[in-house]
Amino acid sequence: MFTKKGEGTSITVIVRTTDWKNLQEVKKQYGEIDPLKIILKEDIIEVNGREGYEIIYKDPPMKTREVVFLANGKAYTIKYSTTEDLYATSEEIFDYVINSFVIE
């Protein structure tokens, strides 16, 4: 996990085994997200030839973006979270992290 001291900004990578077979199952699970969180965007994205599920949501004062990839019976989740006012200025770093992620 990368955390910027004093700002509440973090990037977390989680790898865990899963029963999810496809991104629709991931989307369904995230659709059951805490009702206090405001979903801003959901999409299927492609990074390095692999499709992933992306969700961006607000849980004031935080704004979070998560991308989930499925491979080899595992879910690879990359989560970027920061305060709403810092989100746009840090988003380029998160894009770089996402685009450098390769699952073999």
PDB file of N, CA and C in Angstrom:
ATOM      1  N   MET A   1       0.847  -1.176   0.000  1.00  0.00           N
ATOM      2  CA  MET A   1       0.000   0.000   0.000  1.00  0.00           C
ATOM      3  C   MET A   1       0.890   1.236   0.000  1.00  0.00           C
ATOM      4  N   PHE A   2       0.556   2.204  -0.816  1.00  0.00           N
ATOM      5  CA  PHE A   2       1.229   3.491  -0.864  1.00  0.00           C
ATOM      6  C   PHE A   2       0.306   4.512  -0.202  1.00  0.00           C
ATOM      7  N   THR A   3       0.801   5.230   0.775  1.00  0.00           N
ATOM      8  CA  THR A   3       0.003   6.255   1.435  1.00  0.00           C
ATOM      9  C   THR A   3       0.823   7.528   1.503  1.00  0.00           C
ATOM     10  N   LYS A   4       0.208   8.627   1.116  1.00  0.00           N
ATOM     11  CA  LYS A   4       0.860   9.913   1.190  1.00  0.00           C
ATOM     12  C   LYS A   4       0.558  10.514   2.561  1.00  0.00           C
ATOM     13  N   LYS A   5       1.570  10.716   3.360  1.00  0.00           N
ATOM     14  CA  LYS A   5       1.418  11.128   4.745  1.00  0.00           C
ATOM     15  C   LYS A   5       0.581  12.404   4.885  1.00  0.00           C
ATOM     16  N   GLY A   6      -0.408  12.337   5.765  1.00  0.00           N
ATOM     17  CA  GLY A   6      -1.209  13.504   6.091  1.00  0.00           C
ATOM     18  C   GLY A   6      -2.326  13.824   5.124  1.00  0.00           C
ATOM     19  N   GLU A   7      -2.397  13.128   4.012  1.00  0.00           N
ATOM     20  CA  GLU A   7      -3.420  13.455   3.021  1.00  0.00           C
ATOM     21  C   GLU A   7      -4.457  12.362   2.847  1.00  0.00           C
ATOM     22  N   GLY A   8      -4.247  11.207   3.430  1.00  0.00           N
ATOM     23  CA  GLY A   8      -5.227  10.136   3.288  1.00  0.00           C
ATOM     24  C   GLY A   8      -5.284   9.535   1.902  1.00  0.00           C
ATOM     25  N   THR A   9      -4.219   9.702   1.120  1.00  0.00           N
ATOM     26  CA  THR A   9      -4.170   9.147  -0.223  1.00  0.00           C
ATOM     27  C   THR A   9      -3.505   7.780  -0.168  1.00  0.00           C
ATOM     28  N   SER A  10      -4.139   6.781  -0.802  1.00  0.00           N
ATOM     29  CA  SER A  10      -3.531   5.456  -0.782  1.00  0.00           C
ATOM     30  C   SER A  10      -3.796   4.706  -2.074  1.00  0.00           C
ATOM     31  N   ILE A  11      -2.868   3.823  -2.404  1.00  0.00           N
ATOM     32  CA  ILE A  11      -3.032   2.864  -3.490  1.00  0.00           C
ATOM     33  C   ILE A  11      -2.782   1.493  -2.872  1.00  0.00           C
ATOM     34  N   THR A  12      -3.763   0.619  -3.016  1.00  0.00           N
ATOM     35  CA  THR A  12      -3.691  -0.704  -2.415  1.00  0.00           C
ATOM     36  C   THR A  12      -3.892  -1.757  -3.496  1.00  0.00           C
ATOM     37  N   VAL A  13      -3.088  -2.810  -3.477  1.00  0.00           N
ATOM     38  CA  VAL A  13      -3.249  -3.936  -4.387  1.00  0.00           C
ATOM     39  C   VAL A  13      -3.594  -5.160  -3.536  1.00  0.00           C
ATOM     40  N   ILE A  14      -4.704  -5.814  -3.881  1.00  0.00           N
ATOM     41  CA  ILE A  14      -5.161  -6.996  -3.152  1.00  0.00           C
ATOM     42  C   ILE A  14      -5.284  -8.144  -4.148  1.00  0.00           C
ATOM     43  N   VAL A  15      -4.688  -9.284  -3.819  1.00  0.00           N
ATOM     44  CA  VAL A  15      -4.816 -10.493  -4.637  1.00  0.00           C
ATOM     45  C   VAL A  15      -5.437 -11.554  -3.738  1.00  0.00           C
ATOM     46  N   ARG A  16      -6.558 -12.114  -4.186  1.00  0.00           N
ATOM     47  CA  ARG A  16      -7.217 -13.142  -3.381  1.00  0.00           C
ATOM     48  C   ARG A  16      -7.871 -14.167  -4.286  1.00  0.00           C
ATOM     49  N   THR A  17      -8.041 -15.368  -3.776  1.00  0.00           N
ATOM     50  CA  THR A  17      -8.750 -16.382  -4.545  1.00  0.00           C
ATOM     51  C   THR A  17     -10.225 -16.007  -4.594  1.00  0.00           C
ATOM     52  N   THR A  18     -10.894 -16.428  -5.670  1.00  0.00           N
ATOM     53  CA  THR A  18     -12.292 -16.055  -5.849  1.00  0.00           C
ATOM     54  C   THR A  18     -13.044 -17.134  -6.612  1.00  0.00           C
ATOM     55  N   ASP A  19     -14.345 -17.134  -6.429  1.00  0.00           N
ATOM     56  CA  ASP A  19     -15.228 -18.003  -7.204  1.00  0.00           C
ATOM     57  C   ASP A  19     -15.815 -17.261  -8.403  1.00  0.00           C
ATOM     58  N   TRP A  20     -15.558 -15.957  -8.493  1.00  0.00           N
ATOM     59  CA  TRP A  20     -16.080 -15.181  -9.610  1.00  0.00           C
ATOM     60  C   TRP A  20     -15.542 -15.758 -10.915  1.00  0.00           C
ATOM     61  N   LYS A  21     -16.443 -15.933 -11.882  1.00  0.00           N
ATOM     62  CA  LYS A  21     -16.060 -16.510 -13.172  1.00  0.00           C
ATOM     63  C   LYS A  21     -15.919 -15.459 -14.268  1.00  0.00           C
ATOM     64  N   ASN A  22     -16.592 -14.312 -14.078  1.00  0.00           N
ATOM     65  CA  ASN A  22     -16.550 -13.279 -15.109  1.00  0.00           C
ATOM     66  C   ASN A  22     -16.768 -11.908 -14.474  1.00  0.00           C
ATOM     67  N   LEU A  23     -16.582 -10.867 -15.285  1.00  0.00           N
ATOM     68  CA  LEU A  23     -16.687  -9.504 -14.775  1.00  0.00           C
ATOM     69  C   LEU A  23     -18.117  -9.118 -14.419  1.00  0.00           C
ATOM     70  N   GLN A  24     -19.104  -9.801 -15.000  1.00  0.00           N
ATOM     71  CA  GLN A  24     -20.496  -9.522 -14.619  1.00  0.00           C
ATOM     72  C   GLN A  24     -20.743  -9.913 -13.164  1.00  0.00           C
ATOM     73  N   GLU A  25     -20.123 -10.992 -12.714  1.00  0.00           N
ATOM     74  CA  GLU A  25     -20.242 -11.386 -11.314  1.00  0.00           C
ATOM     75  C   GLU A  25     -19.563 -10.362 -10.398  1.00  0.00           C
ATOM     76  N   VAL A  26     -18.453  -9.816 -10.847  1.00  0.00           N
ATOM     77  CA  VAL A  26     -17.767  -8.768 -10.087  1.00  0.00           C
ATOM     78  C   VAL A  26     -18.678  -7.555  -9.984  1.00  0.00           C
ATOM     79  N   LYS A  27     -19.247  -7.160 -11.123  1.00  0.00           N
ATOM     80  CA  LYS A  27     -20.129  -5.989 -11.150  1.00  0.00           C
ATOM     81  C   LYS A  27     -21.328  -6.196 -10.219  1.00  0.00           C
ATOM     82  N   LYS A  28     -21.881  -7.389 -10.223  1.00  0.00           N
ATOM     83  CA  LYS A  28     -23.022  -7.676  -9.355  1.00  0.00           C
ATOM     84  C   LYS A  28     -22.623  -7.514  -7.888  1.00  0.00           C
ATOM     85  N   GLN A  29     -21.466  -8.042  -7.528  1.00  0.00           N
ATOM     86  CA  GLN A  29     -20.990  -7.930  -6.144  1.00  0.00           C
ATOM     87  C   GLN A  29     -20.799  -6.473  -5.754  1.00  0.00           C
ATOM     88  N   TYR A  30     -20.198  -5.687  -6.639  1.00  0.00           N
ATOM     89  CA  TYR A  30     -19.983  -4.271  -6.344  1.00  0.00           C
ATOM     90  C   TYR A  30     -21.298  -3.494  -6.371  1.00  0.00           C
ATOM     91  N   GLY A  31     -22.296  -4.000  -7.058  1.00  0.00           N
ATOM     92  CA  GLY A  31     -23.609  -3.361  -7.059  1.00  0.00           C
ATOM     93  C   GLY A  31     -24.265  -3.414  -5.699  1.00  0.00           C
ATOM     94  N   GLU A  32     -23.777  -4.322  -4.869  1.00  0.00           N
ATOM     95  CA  GLU A  32     -24.298  -4.453  -3.512  1.00  0.00           C
ATOM     96  C   GLU A  32     -23.444  -3.656  -2.526  1.00  0.00           C
ATOM     97  N   ILE A  33     -22.757  -2.648  -3.057  1.00  0.00           N
ATOM     98  CA  ILE A  33     -21.881  -1.805  -2.257  1.00  0.00           C
ATOM     99  C   ILE A  33     -22.694  -1.032  -1.218  1.00  0.00           C
ATOM    100  N   ASP A  34     -22.055  -0.609  -0.170  1.00  0.00           N
ATOM    101  CA  ASP A  34     -22.686   0.151   0.902  1.00  0.00           C
ATOM    102  C   ASP A  34     -23.565   1.261   0.323  1.00  0.00           C
ATOM    103  N   PRO A  35     -24.837   1.333   0.737  1.00  0.00           N
ATOM    104  CA  PRO A  35     -25.758   2.334   0.165  1.00  0.00           C
ATOM    105  C   PRO A  35     -25.353   3.779   0.437  1.00  0.00           C
ATOM    106  N   LEU A  36     -24.449   4.009   1.379  1.00  0.00           N
ATOM    107  CA  LEU A  36     -23.997   5.373   1.646  1.00  0.00           C
ATOM    108  C   LEU A  36     -22.956   5.844   0.635  1.00  0.00           C
ATOM    109  N   LYS A  37     -22.411   4.898  -0.135  1.00  0.00           N
ATOM    110  CA  LYS A  37     -21.429   5.245  -1.153  1.00  0.00           C
ATOM    111  C   LYS A  37     -22.158   5.607  -2.435  1.00  0.00           C
ATOM    112  N   ILE A  38     -21.722   6.680  -3.058  1.00  0.00           N
ATOM    113  CA  ILE A  38     -22.352   7.185  -4.276  1.00  0.00           C
ATOM    114  C   ILE A  38     -21.522   6.732  -5.474  1.00  0.00           C
ATOM    115  N   ILE A  39     -22.096   5.860  -6.308  1.00  0.00           N
ATOM    116  CA  ILE A  39     -21.380   5.365  -7.486  1.00  0.00           C
ATOM    117  C   ILE A  39     -21.413   6.436  -8.569  1.00  0.00           C
ATOM    118  N   LEU A  40     -20.232   6.823  -9.032  1.00  0.00           N
ATOM    119  CA  LEU A  40     -20.094   7.854 -10.060  1.00  0.00           C
ATOM    120  C   LEU A  40     -19.913   7.257 -11.443  1.00  0.00           C
ATOM    121  N   LYS A  41     -19.263   6.080 -11.497  1.00  0.00           N
ATOM    122  CA  LYS A  41     -18.976   5.477 -12.807  1.00  0.00           C
ATOM    123  C   LYS A  41     -18.695   3.996 -12.626  1.00  0.00           C
ATOM    124  N   GLU A  42     -19.183   3.202 -13.567  1.00  0.00           N
ATOM    125  CA  GLU A  42     -18.852   1.783 -13.663  1.00  0.00           C
ATOM    126  C   GLU A  42     -18.550   1.508 -15.126  1.00  0.00           C
ATOM    127  N   ASP A  43     -17.540   0.686 -15.376  1.00  0.00           N
ATOM    128  CA  ASP A  43     -17.188   0.419 -16.767  1.00  0.00           C
ATOM    129  C   ASP A  43     -16.343  -0.849 -16.851  1.00  0.00           C
ATOM    130  N   ILE A  44     -16.307  -1.432 -18.025  1.00  0.00           N
ATOM    131  CA  ILE A  44     -15.377  -2.507 -18.334  1.00  0.00           C
ATOM    132  C   ILE A  44     -14.242  -1.844 -19.114  1.00  0.00           C
ATOM    133  N   ILE A  45     -13.024  -1.999 -18.621  1.00  0.00           N
ATOM    134  CA  ILE A  45     -11.877  -1.367 -19.269  1.00  0.00           C
ATOM    135  C   ILE A  45     -10.916  -2.456 -19.743  1.00  0.00           C
ATOM    136  N   GLU A  46      -9.971  -2.080 -20.586  1.00  0.00           N
ATOM    137  CA  GLU A  46      -8.950  -3.012 -21.033  1.00  0.00           C
ATOM    138  C   GLU A  46      -7.579  -2.425 -20.729  1.00  0.00           C
ATOM    139  N   VAL A  47      -6.745  -3.218 -20.079  1.00  0.00           N
ATOM    140  CA  VAL A  47      -5.389  -2.806 -19.736  1.00  0.00           C
ATOM    141  C   VAL A  47      -4.451  -3.943 -20.125  1.00  0.00           C
ATOM    142  N   ASN A  48      -3.501  -3.629 -20.962  1.00  0.00           N
ATOM    143  CA  ASN A  48      -2.505  -4.622 -21.408  1.00  0.00           C
ATOM    144  C   ASN A  48      -3.161  -5.905 -21.919  1.00  0.00           C
ATOM    145  N   GLY A  49      -4.239  -5.738 -22.684  1.00  0.00           N
ATOM    146  CA  GLY A  49      -4.911  -6.873 -23.302  1.00  0.00           C
ATOM    147  C   GLY A  49      -5.829  -7.654 -22.378  1.00  0.00           C
ATOM    148  N   ARG A  50      -6.034  -7.189 -21.153  1.00  0.00           N
ATOM    149  CA  ARG A  50      -6.890  -7.892 -20.194  1.00  0.00           C
ATOM    150  C   ARG A  50      -8.033  -6.982 -19.768  1.00  0.00           C
ATOM    151  N   GLU A  51      -9.261  -7.517 -19.814  1.00  0.00           N
ATOM    152  CA  GLU A  51     -10.425  -6.741 -19.391  1.00  0.00           C
ATOM    153  C   GLU A  51     -10.530  -6.710 -17.877  1.00  0.00           C
ATOM    154  N   GLY A  52     -10.998  -5.571 -17.371  1.00  0.00           N
ATOM    155  CA  GLY A  52     -11.194  -5.402 -15.939  1.00  0.00           C
ATOM    156  C   GLY A  52     -12.445  -4.603 -15.671  1.00  0.00           C
ATOM    157  N   TYR A  53     -12.944  -4.705 -14.466  1.00  0.00           N
ATOM    158  CA  TYR A  53     -14.118  -3.955 -14.029  1.00  0.00           C
ATOM    159  C   TYR A  53     -13.625  -2.749 -13.241  1.00  0.00           C
ATOM    160  N   GLU A  54     -14.125  -1.567 -13.607  1.00  0.00           N
ATOM    161  CA  GLU A  54     -13.742  -0.332 -12.942  1.00  0.00           C
ATOM    162  C   GLU A  54     -14.960   0.302 -12.296  1.00  0.00           C
ATOM    163  N   ILE A  55     -14.793   0.763 -11.068  1.00  0.00           N
ATOM    164  CA  ILE A  55     -15.847   1.504 -10.386  1.00  0.00           C
ATOM    165  C   ILE A  55     -15.219   2.709  -9.689  1.00  0.00           C
ATOM    166  N   ILE A  56     -15.904   3.839  -9.797  1.00  0.00           N
ATOM    167  CA  ILE A  56     -15.494   5.055  -9.098  1.00  0.00           C
ATOM    168  C   ILE A  56     -16.668   5.459  -8.229  1.00  0.00           C
ATOM    169  N   TYR A  57     -16.385   5.709  -6.943  1.00  0.00           N
ATOM    170  CA  TYR A  57     -17.467   6.086  -6.037  1.00  0.00           C
ATOM    171  C   TYR A  57     -16.980   7.084  -4.988  1.00  0.00           C
ATOM    172  N   LYS A  58     -17.951   7.778  -4.406  1.00  0.00           N
ATOM    173  CA  LYS A  58     -17.672   8.732  -3.340  1.00  0.00           C
ATOM    174  C   LYS A  58     -18.246   8.202  -2.036  1.00  0.00           C
ATOM    175  N   ASP A  59     -17.488   8.385  -0.998  1.00  0.00           N
ATOM    176  CA  ASP A  59     -17.920   8.122   0.369  1.00  0.00           C
ATOM    177  C   ASP A  59     -17.356   9.303   1.159  1.00  0.00           C
ATOM    178  N   PRO A  60     -18.040  10.472   1.025  1.00  0.00           N
ATOM    179  CA  PRO A  60     -17.473  11.723   1.526  1.00  0.00           C
ATOM    180  C   PRO A  60     -16.840  11.587   2.912  1.00  0.00           C
ATOM    181  N   PRO A  61     -15.635  12.169   3.080  1.00  0.00           N
ATOM    182  CA  PRO A  61     -14.956  13.093   2.158  1.00  0.00           C
ATOM    183  C   PRO A  61     -14.047  12.388   1.147  1.00  0.00           C
ATOM    184  N   MET A  62     -14.112  11.055   1.044  1.00  0.00           N
ATOM    185  CA  MET A  62     -13.213  10.306   0.174  1.00  0.00           C
ATOM    186  C   MET A  62     -13.836  10.010  -1.193  1.00  0.00           C
ATOM    187  N   LYS A  63     -12.948   9.875  -2.175  1.00  0.00           N
ATOM    188  CA  LYS A  63     -13.334   9.434  -3.511  1.00  0.00           C
ATOM    189  C   LYS A  63     -12.419   8.258  -3.850  1.00  0.00           C
ATOM    190  N   THR A  64     -13.001   7.177  -4.378  1.00  0.00           N
ATOM    191  CA  THR A  64     -12.271   5.933  -4.585  1.00  0.00           C
ATOM    192  C   THR A  64     -12.484   5.401  -5.990  1.00  0.00           C
ATOM    193  N   ARG A  65     -11.434   4.833  -6.542  1.00  0.00           N
ATOM    194  CA  ARG A  65     -11.497   4.145  -7.829  1.00  0.00           C
ATOM    195  C   ARG A  65     -10.907   2.758  -7.632  1.00  0.00           C
ATOM    196  N   GLU A  66     -11.651   1.749  -8.039  1.00  0.00           N
ATOM    197  CA  GLU A  66     -11.172   0.373  -7.938  1.00  0.00           C
ATOM    198  C   GLU A  66     -11.237  -0.274  -9.310  1.00  0.00           C
ATOM    199  N   VAL A  67     -10.221  -1.077  -9.610  1.00  0.00           N
ATOM    200  CA  VAL A  67     -10.196  -1.850 -10.837  1.00  0.00           C
ATOM    201  C   VAL A  67      -9.939  -3.304 -10.431  1.00  0.00           C
ATOM    202  N   VAL A  68     -10.772  -4.215 -10.954  1.00  0.00           N
ATOM    203  CA  VAL A  68     -10.660  -5.632 -10.620  1.00  0.00           C
ATOM    204  C   VAL A  68     -10.411  -6.425 -11.901  1.00  0.00           C
ATOM    205  N   PHE A  69      -9.383  -7.255 -11.870  1.00  0.00           N
ATOM    206  CA  PHE A  69      -9.082  -8.166 -12.961  1.00  0.00           C
ATOM    207  C   PHE A  69      -9.240  -9.589 -12.437  1.00  0.00           C
ATOM    208  N   LEU A  70      -9.715 -10.494 -13.287  1.00  0.00           N
ATOM    209  CA  LEU A  70      -9.834 -11.904 -12.928  1.00  0.00           C
ATOM    210  C   LEU A  70      -8.859 -12.715 -13.772  1.00  0.00           C
ATOM    211  N   ALA A  71      -8.128 -13.605 -13.097  1.00  0.00           N
ATOM    212  CA  ALA A  71      -7.211 -14.500 -13.820  1.00  0.00           C
ATOM    213  C   ALA A  71      -6.759 -15.605 -12.882  1.00  0.00           C
ATOM    214  N   ASN A  72      -6.666 -16.815 -13.422  1.00  0.00           N
ATOM    215  CA  ASN A  72      -6.100 -17.941 -12.678  1.00  0.00           C
ATOM    216  C   ASN A  72      -6.806 -18.202 -11.353  1.00  0.00           C
ATOM    217  N   GLY A  73      -8.138 -18.002 -11.315  1.00  0.00           N
ATOM    218  CA  GLY A  73      -8.898 -18.245 -10.093  1.00  0.00           C
ATOM    219  C   GLY A  73      -8.700 -17.194  -9.016  1.00  0.00           C
ATOM    220  N   LYS A  74      -8.155 -16.046  -9.410  1.00  0.00           N
ATOM    221  CA  LYS A  74      -7.888 -14.979  -8.451  1.00  0.00           C
ATOM    222  C   LYS A  74      -8.504 -13.663  -8.922  1.00  0.00           C
ATOM    223  N   ALA A  75      -8.828 -12.814  -7.945  1.00  0.00           N
ATOM    224  CA  ALA A  75      -9.256 -11.447  -8.216  1.00  0.00           C
ATOM    225  C   ALA A  75      -8.099 -10.529  -7.827  1.00  0.00           C
ATOM    226  N   TYR A  76      -7.688  -9.700  -8.771  1.00  0.00           N
ATOM    227  CA  TYR A  76      -6.628  -8.726  -8.547  1.00  0.00           C
ATOM    228  C   TYR A  76      -7.297  -7.362  -8.478  1.00  0.00           C
ATOM    229  N   THR A  77      -7.284  -6.758  -7.306  1.00  0.00           N
ATOM    230  CA  THR A  77      -7.961  -5.482  -7.105  1.00  0.00           C
ATOM    231  C   THR A  77      -6.929  -4.402  -6.832  1.00  0.00           C
ATOM    232  N   ILE A  78      -7.022  -3.320  -7.588  1.00  0.00           N
ATOM    233  CA  ILE A  78      -6.175  -2.150  -7.363  1.00  0.00           C
ATOM    234  C   ILE A  78      -7.108  -1.025  -6.950  1.00  0.00           C
ATOM    235  N   LYS A  79      -6.857  -0.460  -5.786  1.00  0.00           N
ATOM    236  CA  LYS A  79      -7.754   0.540  -5.211  1.00  0.00           C
ATOM    237  C   LYS A  79      -6.989   1.828  -4.946  1.00  0.00           C
ATOM    238  N   TYR A  80      -7.530   2.920  -5.458  1.00  0.00           N
ATOM    239  CA  TYR A  80      -6.963   4.251  -5.255  1.00  0.00           C
ATOM    240  C   TYR A  80      -7.991   5.060  -4.487  1.00  0.00           C
ATOM    241  N   SER A  81      -7.584   5.651  -3.381  1.00  0.00           N
ATOM    242  CA  SER A  81      -8.518   6.407  -2.559  1.00  0.00           C
ATOM    243  C   SER A  81      -7.836   7.665  -2.033  1.00  0.00           C
ATOM    244  N   THR A  82      -8.556   8.771  -2.081  1.00  0.00           N
ATOM    245  CA  THR A  82      -8.039  10.040  -1.559  1.00  0.00           C
ATOM    246  C   THR A  82      -9.223  10.951  -1.258  1.00  0.00           C
ATOM    247  N   THR A  83      -8.944  12.101  -0.699  1.00  0.00           N
ATOM    248  CA  THR A  83     -10.017  13.057  -0.461  1.00  0.00           C
ATOM    249  C   THR A  83     -10.483  13.610  -1.808  1.00  0.00           C
ATOM    250  N   GLU A  84     -11.733  14.013  -1.859  1.00  0.00           N
ATOM    251  CA  GLU A  84     -12.306  14.489  -3.122  1.00  0.00           C
ATOM    252  C   GLU A  84     -11.508  15.634  -3.725  1.00  0.00           C
ATOM    253  N   ASP A  85     -11.006  16.539  -2.895  1.00  0.00           N
ATOM    254  CA  ASP A  85     -10.285  17.695  -3.425  1.00  0.00           C
ATOM    255  C   ASP A  85      -8.916  17.341  -4.012  1.00  0.00           C
ATOM    256  N   LEU A  86      -8.352  16.196  -3.628  1.00  0.00           N
ATOM    257  CA  LEU A  86      -7.051  15.779  -4.160  1.00  0.00           C
ATOM    258  C   LEU A  86      -7.152  14.740  -5.274  1.00  0.00           C
ATOM    259  N   TYR A  87      -8.345  14.235  -5.528  1.00  0.00           N
ATOM    260  CA  TYR A  87      -8.522  13.134  -6.465  1.00  0.00           C
ATOM    261  C   TYR A  87      -7.957  13.460  -7.856  1.00  0.00           C
ATOM    262  N   ALA A  88      -8.354  14.563  -8.422  1.00  0.00           N
ATOM    263  CA  ALA A  88      -7.946  14.904  -9.791  1.00  0.00           C
ATOM    264  C   ALA A  88      -6.433  15.082  -9.909  1.00  0.00           C
ATOM    265  N   THR A  89      -5.805  15.647  -8.895  1.00  0.00           N
ATOM    266  CA  THR A  89      -4.356  15.892  -8.988  1.00  0.00           C
ATOM    267  C   THR A  89      -3.539  14.612  -8.848  1.00  0.00           C
ATOM    268  N   SER A  90      -4.107  13.585  -8.234  1.00  0.00           N
ATOM    269  CA  SER A  90      -3.390  12.318  -8.057  1.00  0.00           C
ATOM    270  C   SER A  90      -3.794  11.247  -9.069  1.00  0.00           C
ATOM    271  N   GLU A  91      -4.818  11.508  -9.849  1.00  0.00           N
ATOM    272  CA  GLU A  91      -5.359  10.496 -10.753  1.00  0.00           C
ATOM    273  C   GLU A  91      -4.335  10.017 -11.786  1.00  0.00           C
ATOM    274  N   GLU A  92      -3.461  10.897 -12.234  1.00  0.00           N
ATOM    275  CA  GLU A  92      -2.447  10.517 -13.230  1.00  0.00           C
ATOM    276  C   GLU A  92      -1.518   9.431 -12.675  1.00  0.00           C
ATOM    277  N   ILE A  93      -1.187   9.526 -11.397  1.00  0.00           N
ATOM    278  CA  ILE A  93      -0.339   8.503 -10.768  1.00  0.00           C
ATOM    279  C   ILE A  93      -1.063   7.162 -10.772  1.00  0.00           C
ATOM    280  N   PHE A  94      -2.343   7.176 -10.430  1.00  0.00           N
ATOM    281  CA  PHE A  94      -3.108   5.938 -10.416  1.00  0.00           C
ATOM    282  C   PHE A  94      -3.227   5.348 -11.812  1.00  0.00           C
ATOM    283  N   ASP A  95      -3.452   6.190 -12.809  1.00  0.00           N
ATOM    284  CA  ASP A  95      -3.507   5.710 -14.193  1.00  0.00           C
ATOM    285  C   ASP A  95      -2.204   5.003 -14.561  1.00  0.00           C
ATOM    286  N   TYR A  96      -1.081   5.578 -14.132  1.00  0.00           N
ATOM    287  CA  TYR A  96       0.216   4.967 -14.409  1.00  0.00           C
ATOM    288  C   TYR A  96       0.315   3.587 -13.753  1.00  0.00           C
ATOM    289  N   VAL A  97      -0.115   3.500 -12.487  1.00  0.00           N
ATOM    290  CA  VAL A  97      -0.085   2.214 -11.774  1.00  0.00           C
ATOM    291  C   VAL A  97      -0.941   1.186 -12.496  1.00  0.00           C
ATOM    292  N   ILE A  98      -2.160   1.564 -12.867  1.00  0.00           N
ATOM    293  CA  ILE A  98      -3.073   0.644 -13.565  1.00  0.00           C
ATOM    294  C   ILE A  98      -2.453   0.179 -14.879  1.00  0.00           C
ATOM    295  N   ASN A  99      -1.926   1.114 -15.654  1.00  0.00           N
ATOM    296  CA  ASN A  99      -1.394   0.768 -16.977  1.00  0.00           C
ATOM    297  C   ASN A  99      -0.093  -0.034 -16.911  1.00  0.00           C
ATOM    298  N   SER A 100       0.551  -0.057 -15.748  1.00  0.00           N
ATOM    299  CA  SER A 100       1.774  -0.851 -15.615  1.00  0.00           C
ATOM    300  C   SER A 100       1.485  -2.245 -15.058  1.00  0.00           C
ATOM    301  N   PHE A 101       0.241  -2.509 -14.725  1.00  0.00           N
ATOM    302  CA  PHE A 101      -0.146  -3.789 -14.101  1.00  0.00           C
ATOM    303  C   PHE A 101      -0.259  -4.875 -15.155  1.00  0.00           C
ATOM    304  N   VAL A 102       0.501  -5.958 -14.956  1.00  0.00           N
ATOM    305  CA  VAL A 102       0.499  -7.081 -15.888  1.00  0.00           C
ATOM    306  C   VAL A 102       0.273  -8.371 -15.105  1.00  0.00           C
ATOM    307  N   ILE A 103      -0.694  -9.178 -15.551  1.00  0.00           N
ATOM    308  CA  ILE A 103      -0.957 -10.483 -14.945  1.00  0.00           C
ATOM    309  C   ILE A 103      -0.500 -11.535 -15.940  1.00  0.00           C
ATOM    310  N   GLU A 104       0.356 -12.428 -15.506  1.00  0.00           N
ATOM    311  CA  GLU A 104       0.847 -13.486 -16.407  1.00  0.00           C
ATOM    312  C   GLU A 104       0.146 -14.787 -16.127  1.00  0.00           C
TER     313      GLU A 104
END
